[in-house]
Every structure is written in structure tokens, then in C-alpha cells.
Amino acid sequence: MIRIDVKTHYLSAQSDPDNSQYVFAYTITITNDGDSAVQLLTREWRITDADHKITRVAGDGVVGEQPHLAPGESYSYTSGTVLATPIGTMEGHYGMIDSDGAKFKATIPSFRLAVPNILH
């Protein structure tokens, strides 16, 4: 079983609200709670802004890596995205392979990106 934890941060210094550019960083920790080693091969994201504009992003690995995780091991990385609105969501999955060569998807639960104090 793969556990995924997410922390998000609004990057005000890199954002430009007057030009509808809201920059967010997210840190993801992937933990292998299973009994066998796994490797992350691919990622697929669905990013939705407050205007319901959907952007899909897919590719190999994360931040240029395809990490191997032994049982009990964790891997963390930080990346970012730019929205045209002050709030939005991200969700998706990682394409994984286990030590037996079986491929599976690890779901990334939906998480919110929001400028602080924008939600009452």
C-alpha cells in the first residue's frame, strides 16, 4: 500500500494577482506501507482552477527521478504549479511497479490550493 501526504504553500513573492498568476508549491511525501519494494515510474495530474479550467500533466517520474522505495521507506519532493485563480485543486495518480513486475496506480487524493485568507 502506498500512502501519499501533501502540504501546499502559496508563493506570494512569485505570484502576480493583477495578471491572474497565482503560484503554489506543494510537497509530497510518498510512503511505501507495503511488504515489497516499489518504484515510481510515471505521474499524471489533473489541475482545476476556480473557473473549472482543467489542465492535465503527465510524464515520467517526479522532478526528474523515478525513486525506488523499500518497505517502510518514504520519498519527498517539492514542485509547483501556476493557477489563473486564487483557488484550485490538484489530484491524480502515480504509475508504480512492484518487485514482481506488476504495475499499479497509486492515487493522489484531491488537495486544495488556496491563497491564505481567501476562503471564509
N, C-alpha and C. Protein backbone atom coordinates (compact mmCIF):
# COMPACT_ATOMS: atom_id res chain seq x y z
N MET A 1 0.84 -1.19 0.00
CA MET A 1 0.00 0.00 0.00
C MET A 1 0.89 1.25 0.00
N ILE A 2 0.50 2.21 -0.79
CA ILE A 2 1.25 3.46 -0.90
C ILE A 2 0.45 4.56 -0.22
N ARG A 3 1.10 5.29 0.68
CA ARG A 3 0.45 6.43 1.35
C ARG A 3 1.05 7.71 0.78
N ILE A 4 0.17 8.68 0.50
CA ILE A 4 0.61 9.95 -0.08
C ILE A 4 0.12 11.10 0.80
N ASP A 5 1.05 11.91 1.28
CA ASP A 5 0.73 13.08 2.10
C ASP A 5 1.17 14.33 1.35
N VAL A 6 0.34 15.39 1.44
CA VAL A 6 0.60 16.61 0.68
C VAL A 6 0.55 17.83 1.60
N LYS A 7 1.49 18.74 1.40
CA LYS A 7 1.47 20.06 2.04
C LYS A 7 1.59 21.09 0.93
N THR A 8 0.80 22.17 1.03
CA THR A 8 0.83 23.20 -0.01
C THR A 8 1.21 24.55 0.58
N HIS A 9 1.77 25.41 -0.26
CA HIS A 9 2.16 26.76 0.15
C HIS A 9 1.91 27.71 -1.01
N TYR A 10 1.32 28.86 -0.70
CA TYR A 10 1.15 29.92 -1.69
C TYR A 10 2.43 30.74 -1.73
N LEU A 11 2.96 30.98 -2.91
CA LEU A 11 4.20 31.73 -3.07
C LEU A 11 3.88 33.15 -3.52
N SER A 12 3.61 34.01 -2.56
CA SER A 12 3.16 35.37 -2.87
C SER A 12 4.23 36.16 -3.63
N ALA A 13 5.50 35.96 -3.30
CA ALA A 13 6.56 36.72 -3.94
C ALA A 13 6.69 36.40 -5.43
N GLN A 14 6.30 35.19 -5.83
CA GLN A 14 6.39 34.79 -7.23
C GLN A 14 5.07 34.98 -7.98
N SER A 15 4.01 35.31 -7.24
CA SER A 15 2.69 35.47 -7.84
C SER A 15 2.46 36.90 -8.33
N ASP A 16 1.52 37.03 -9.25
CA ASP A 16 1.15 38.34 -9.80
C ASP A 16 -0.37 38.37 -9.98
N PRO A 17 -1.11 38.60 -8.87
CA PRO A 17 -2.57 38.56 -8.94
C PRO A 17 -3.17 39.52 -9.98
N ASP A 18 -2.53 40.67 -10.21
CA ASP A 18 -3.04 41.61 -11.21
C ASP A 18 -3.06 41.02 -12.61
N ASN A 19 -2.21 40.03 -12.84
CA ASN A 19 -2.15 39.35 -14.14
C ASN A 19 -2.64 37.90 -14.04
N SER A 20 -3.44 37.63 -13.01
CA SER A 20 -4.04 36.30 -12.82
C SER A 20 -3.00 35.19 -12.79
N GLN A 21 -1.94 35.40 -12.02
CA GLN A 21 -0.92 34.37 -11.85
C GLN A 21 -0.72 34.12 -10.36
N TYR A 22 -1.17 32.96 -9.92
CA TYR A 22 -1.07 32.56 -8.52
C TYR A 22 -0.18 31.32 -8.48
N VAL A 23 0.97 31.45 -7.83
CA VAL A 23 1.97 30.39 -7.83
C VAL A 23 1.90 29.63 -6.51
N PHE A 24 1.84 28.31 -6.62
CA PHE A 24 1.76 27.44 -5.46
C PHE A 24 2.87 26.40 -5.51
N ALA A 25 3.41 26.08 -4.35
CA ALA A 25 4.34 24.96 -4.20
C ALA A 25 3.61 23.87 -3.44
N TYR A 26 3.97 22.64 -3.74
CA TYR A 26 3.42 21.52 -2.98
C TYR A 26 4.55 20.54 -2.70
N THR A 27 4.53 20.01 -1.49
CA THR A 27 5.50 19.00 -1.09
C THR A 27 4.74 17.70 -0.88
N ILE A 28 5.18 16.67 -1.56
CA ILE A 28 4.52 15.38 -1.49
C ILE A 28 5.46 14.38 -0.85
N THR A 29 4.94 13.61 0.10
CA THR A 29 5.68 12.51 0.69
C THR A 29 4.97 11.22 0.32
N ILE A 30 5.71 10.33 -0.32
CA ILE A 30 5.19 9.03 -0.74
C ILE A 30 5.81 8.00 0.18
N THR A 31 4.98 7.21 0.86
CA THR A 31 5.46 6.20 1.79
C THR A 31 5.00 4.82 1.34
N ASN A 32 5.94 3.88 1.32
CA ASN A 32 5.62 2.50 0.97
C ASN A 32 5.25 1.76 2.25
N ASP A 33 3.95 1.61 2.48
CA ASP A 33 3.46 0.87 3.65
C ASP A 33 3.26 -0.61 3.33
N GLY A 34 3.69 -1.05 2.15
CA GLY A 34 3.51 -2.44 1.74
C GLY A 34 4.65 -3.32 2.19
N ASP A 35 4.62 -4.57 1.72
CA ASP A 35 5.61 -5.57 2.10
C ASP A 35 6.71 -5.78 1.07
N SER A 36 6.58 -5.15 -0.10
CA SER A 36 7.61 -5.33 -1.13
C SER A 36 8.04 -3.97 -1.68
N ALA A 37 9.23 -3.98 -2.28
CA ALA A 37 9.77 -2.75 -2.85
C ALA A 37 8.94 -2.32 -4.05
N VAL A 38 8.90 -1.01 -4.28
CA VAL A 38 8.17 -0.45 -5.42
C VAL A 38 9.04 0.64 -6.07
N GLN A 39 8.68 0.99 -7.29
CA GLN A 39 9.32 2.10 -7.98
C GLN A 39 8.25 2.96 -8.61
N LEU A 40 8.41 4.28 -8.49
CA LEU A 40 7.53 5.23 -9.15
C LEU A 40 8.03 5.41 -10.58
N LEU A 41 7.16 5.17 -11.55
CA LEU A 41 7.54 5.29 -12.96
C LEU A 41 7.02 6.56 -13.62
N THR A 42 5.73 6.88 -13.37
CA THR A 42 5.08 7.99 -14.07
C THR A 42 4.21 8.79 -13.11
N ARG A 43 3.78 9.96 -13.60
CA ARG A 43 2.83 10.77 -12.84
C ARG A 43 1.77 11.28 -13.80
N GLU A 44 0.58 11.49 -13.27
CA GLU A 44 -0.49 12.10 -14.04
C GLU A 44 -1.30 12.99 -13.11
N TRP A 45 -1.42 14.27 -13.49
CA TRP A 45 -2.12 15.26 -12.67
C TRP A 45 -3.32 15.81 -13.41
N ARG A 46 -4.34 16.15 -12.65
CA ARG A 46 -5.49 16.91 -13.14
C ARG A 46 -5.57 18.14 -12.24
N ILE A 47 -5.31 19.32 -12.81
CA ILE A 47 -5.28 20.58 -12.07
C ILE A 47 -6.50 21.39 -12.50
N THR A 48 -7.32 21.79 -11.54
CA THR A 48 -8.56 22.52 -11.84
C THR A 48 -8.54 23.85 -11.11
N ASP A 49 -8.79 24.95 -11.84
CA ASP A 49 -8.86 26.24 -11.17
C ASP A 49 -10.30 26.58 -10.83
N ALA A 50 -10.52 27.74 -10.22
CA ALA A 50 -11.86 28.13 -9.76
C ALA A 50 -12.82 28.40 -10.91
N ASP A 51 -12.30 28.59 -12.11
CA ASP A 51 -13.14 28.77 -13.30
C ASP A 51 -13.43 27.44 -13.99
N HIS A 52 -13.07 26.35 -13.34
CA HIS A 52 -13.27 24.98 -13.85
C HIS A 52 -12.42 24.67 -15.08
N LYS A 53 -11.35 25.44 -15.27
CA LYS A 53 -10.40 25.13 -16.34
C LYS A 53 -9.52 23.98 -15.86
N ILE A 54 -9.46 22.93 -16.67
CA ILE A 54 -8.70 21.75 -16.29
C ILE A 54 -7.42 21.67 -17.13
N THR A 55 -6.31 21.45 -16.44
CA THR A 55 -5.03 21.22 -17.09
C THR A 55 -4.57 19.83 -16.70
N ARG A 56 -4.17 19.06 -17.69
CA ARG A 56 -3.65 17.71 -17.42
C ARG A 56 -2.14 17.71 -17.67
N VAL A 57 -1.42 17.10 -16.76
CA VAL A 57 0.03 17.00 -16.87
C VAL A 57 0.40 15.54 -16.65
N ALA A 58 1.20 15.00 -17.56
CA ALA A 58 1.65 13.61 -17.42
C ALA A 58 3.10 13.52 -17.86
N GLY A 59 3.81 12.57 -17.26
CA GLY A 59 5.20 12.39 -17.65
C GLY A 59 5.86 11.31 -16.84
N ASP A 60 7.13 11.10 -17.14
CA ASP A 60 7.92 10.10 -16.43
C ASP A 60 8.41 10.66 -15.11
N GLY A 61 8.30 9.86 -14.05
CA GLY A 61 8.87 10.20 -12.76
C GLY A 61 8.36 11.50 -12.17
N VAL A 62 9.08 11.96 -11.16
CA VAL A 62 8.79 13.23 -10.49
C VAL A 62 10.10 13.97 -10.31
N VAL A 63 10.12 15.25 -10.59
CA VAL A 63 11.31 16.11 -10.52
C VAL A 63 12.56 15.40 -11.07
N GLY A 64 12.38 14.72 -12.22
CA GLY A 64 13.49 14.07 -12.89
C GLY A 64 13.93 12.75 -12.30
N GLU A 65 13.19 12.21 -11.35
CA GLU A 65 13.58 10.96 -10.70
C GLU A 65 12.47 9.92 -10.80
N GLN A 66 12.86 8.66 -10.72
CA GLN A 66 11.93 7.54 -10.63
C GLN A 66 12.34 6.74 -9.39
N PRO A 67 11.98 7.24 -8.22
CA PRO A 67 12.51 6.68 -6.97
C PRO A 67 12.06 5.25 -6.69
N HIS A 68 12.98 4.50 -6.08
CA HIS A 68 12.70 3.16 -5.55
C HIS A 68 12.40 3.32 -4.07
N LEU A 69 11.39 2.60 -3.58
CA LEU A 69 11.03 2.67 -2.17
C LEU A 69 10.95 1.26 -1.60
N ALA A 70 11.84 0.95 -0.66
CA ALA A 70 11.77 -0.32 0.06
C ALA A 70 10.59 -0.25 1.03
N PRO A 71 10.13 -1.40 1.55
CA PRO A 71 9.05 -1.36 2.54
C PRO A 71 9.41 -0.44 3.70
N GLY A 72 8.49 0.45 4.07
CA GLY A 72 8.70 1.38 5.16
C GLY A 72 9.41 2.66 4.77
N GLU A 73 9.92 2.74 3.56
CA GLU A 73 10.66 3.92 3.11
C GLU A 73 9.73 5.00 2.59
N SER A 74 10.20 6.25 2.71
CA SER A 74 9.46 7.41 2.19
C SER A 74 10.35 8.19 1.23
N TYR A 75 9.69 8.91 0.34
CA TYR A 75 10.37 9.80 -0.60
C TYR A 75 9.58 11.09 -0.66
N SER A 76 10.25 12.22 -0.51
CA SER A 76 9.58 13.52 -0.56
C SER A 76 10.18 14.37 -1.67
N TYR A 77 9.32 15.18 -2.28
CA TYR A 77 9.78 16.13 -3.28
C TYR A 77 8.87 17.35 -3.26
N THR A 78 9.39 18.45 -3.77
CA THR A 78 8.61 19.68 -3.87
C THR A 78 8.58 20.11 -5.32
N SER A 79 7.41 20.53 -5.76
CA SER A 79 7.22 21.04 -7.11
C SER A 79 6.23 22.19 -7.03
N GLY A 80 5.76 22.66 -8.16
CA GLY A 80 4.85 23.80 -8.13
C GLY A 80 3.95 23.86 -9.33
N THR A 81 2.98 24.75 -9.25
CA THR A 81 2.06 24.98 -10.35
C THR A 81 1.58 26.43 -10.30
N VAL A 82 1.10 26.91 -11.43
CA VAL A 82 0.57 28.27 -11.53
C VAL A 82 -0.90 28.18 -11.91
N LEU A 83 -1.75 28.87 -11.15
CA LEU A 83 -3.18 28.94 -11.46
C LEU A 83 -3.53 30.35 -11.90
N ALA A 84 -4.62 30.47 -12.66
CA ALA A 84 -5.13 31.78 -13.07
C ALA A 84 -6.13 32.32 -12.05
N THR A 85 -6.45 31.52 -11.03
CA THR A 85 -7.40 31.92 -9.98
C THR A 85 -6.75 31.68 -8.62
N PRO A 86 -7.26 32.34 -7.56
CA PRO A 86 -6.62 32.21 -6.25
C PRO A 86 -6.90 30.88 -5.54
N ILE A 87 -7.79 30.07 -6.08
CA ILE A 87 -8.03 28.75 -5.51
C ILE A 87 -8.15 27.72 -6.63
N GLY A 88 -7.87 26.48 -6.28
CA GLY A 88 -7.99 25.39 -7.23
C GLY A 88 -7.72 24.08 -6.53
N THR A 89 -7.71 23.00 -7.31
CA THR A 89 -7.43 21.68 -6.76
C THR A 89 -6.48 20.92 -7.68
N MET A 90 -5.82 19.93 -7.09
CA MET A 90 -4.99 19.00 -7.85
C MET A 90 -5.31 17.60 -7.39
N GLU A 91 -5.28 16.66 -8.32
CA GLU A 91 -5.44 15.25 -8.00
C GLU A 91 -4.80 14.45 -9.12
N GLY A 92 -4.61 13.17 -8.89
CA GLY A 92 -4.03 12.36 -9.95
C GLY A 92 -3.59 11.01 -9.46
N HIS A 93 -2.55 10.48 -10.10
CA HIS A 93 -2.01 9.20 -9.67
C HIS A 93 -0.56 9.05 -10.13
N TYR A 94 0.13 8.15 -9.45
CA TYR A 94 1.47 7.75 -9.85
C TYR A 94 1.38 6.35 -10.44
N GLY A 95 2.08 6.13 -11.54
CA GLY A 95 2.22 4.78 -12.08
C GLY A 95 3.39 4.13 -11.38
N MET A 96 3.12 3.00 -10.75
CA MET A 96 4.12 2.31 -9.93
C MET A 96 4.35 0.90 -10.47
N ILE A 97 5.46 0.29 -10.06
CA ILE A 97 5.71 -1.11 -10.35
C ILE A 97 6.28 -1.74 -9.09
N ASP A 98 5.83 -2.97 -8.78
CA ASP A 98 6.35 -3.63 -7.58
C ASP A 98 7.50 -4.56 -7.95
N SER A 99 8.08 -5.21 -6.94
CA SER A 99 9.27 -6.03 -7.15
C SER A 99 8.98 -7.27 -8.00
N ASP A 100 7.71 -7.64 -8.15
CA ASP A 100 7.34 -8.76 -9.02
C ASP A 100 7.07 -8.32 -10.46
N GLY A 101 7.19 -7.02 -10.73
CA GLY A 101 6.96 -6.51 -12.07
C GLY A 101 5.52 -6.14 -12.35
N ALA A 102 4.66 -6.20 -11.32
CA ALA A 102 3.25 -5.84 -11.50
C ALA A 102 3.09 -4.32 -11.42
N LYS A 103 2.45 -3.75 -12.45
CA LYS A 103 2.21 -2.30 -12.45
C LYS A 103 0.89 -2.00 -11.77
N PHE A 104 0.84 -0.85 -11.08
CA PHE A 104 -0.39 -0.41 -10.42
C PHE A 104 -0.37 1.10 -10.29
N LYS A 105 -1.54 1.65 -9.99
CA LYS A 105 -1.66 3.10 -9.80
C LYS A 105 -1.80 3.41 -8.32
N ALA A 106 -1.07 4.42 -7.87
CA ALA A 106 -1.21 4.95 -6.51
C ALA A 106 -1.95 6.28 -6.63
N THR A 107 -3.15 6.34 -6.08
CA THR A 107 -4.00 7.53 -6.22
C THR A 107 -3.47 8.67 -5.37
N ILE A 108 -3.42 9.85 -5.98
CA ILE A 108 -3.09 11.08 -5.25
C ILE A 108 -4.43 11.75 -4.95
N PRO A 109 -4.86 11.75 -3.68
CA PRO A 109 -6.16 12.33 -3.36
C PRO A 109 -6.21 13.82 -3.70
N SER A 110 -7.39 14.31 -4.02
CA SER A 110 -7.57 15.72 -4.34
C SER A 110 -7.12 16.59 -3.16
N PHE A 111 -6.36 17.64 -3.47
CA PHE A 111 -5.98 18.59 -2.43
C PHE A 111 -6.18 20.00 -2.96
N ARG A 112 -6.38 20.92 -2.03
CA ARG A 112 -6.73 22.30 -2.37
C ARG A 112 -5.50 23.19 -2.42
N LEU A 113 -5.49 24.07 -3.39
CA LEU A 113 -4.51 25.15 -3.48
C LEU A 113 -5.29 26.43 -3.24
N ALA A 114 -4.89 27.23 -2.26
CA ALA A 114 -5.66 28.44 -1.95
C ALA A 114 -4.76 29.52 -1.38
N VAL A 115 -4.98 30.73 -1.87
CA VAL A 115 -4.32 31.90 -1.29
C VAL A 115 -4.82 32.03 0.15
N PRO A 116 -3.93 32.22 1.13
CA PRO A 116 -4.38 32.34 2.53
C PRO A 116 -5.44 33.43 2.69
N ASN A 117 -6.40 33.16 3.53
CA ASN A 117 -7.49 34.08 3.88
C ASN A 117 -8.44 34.37 2.73
N ILE A 118 -8.37 33.60 1.63
CA ILE A 118 -9.29 33.80 0.52
C ILE A 118 -10.62 33.10 0.80
N LEU A 119 -10.57 32.04 1.61
CA LEU A 119 -11.78 31.28 1.95
C LEU A 119 -12.25 31.69 3.33
N HIS A 120 -13.51 31.97 3.46
CA HIS A 120 -14.05 32.41 4.75
C HIS A 120 -14.74 31.28 5.46
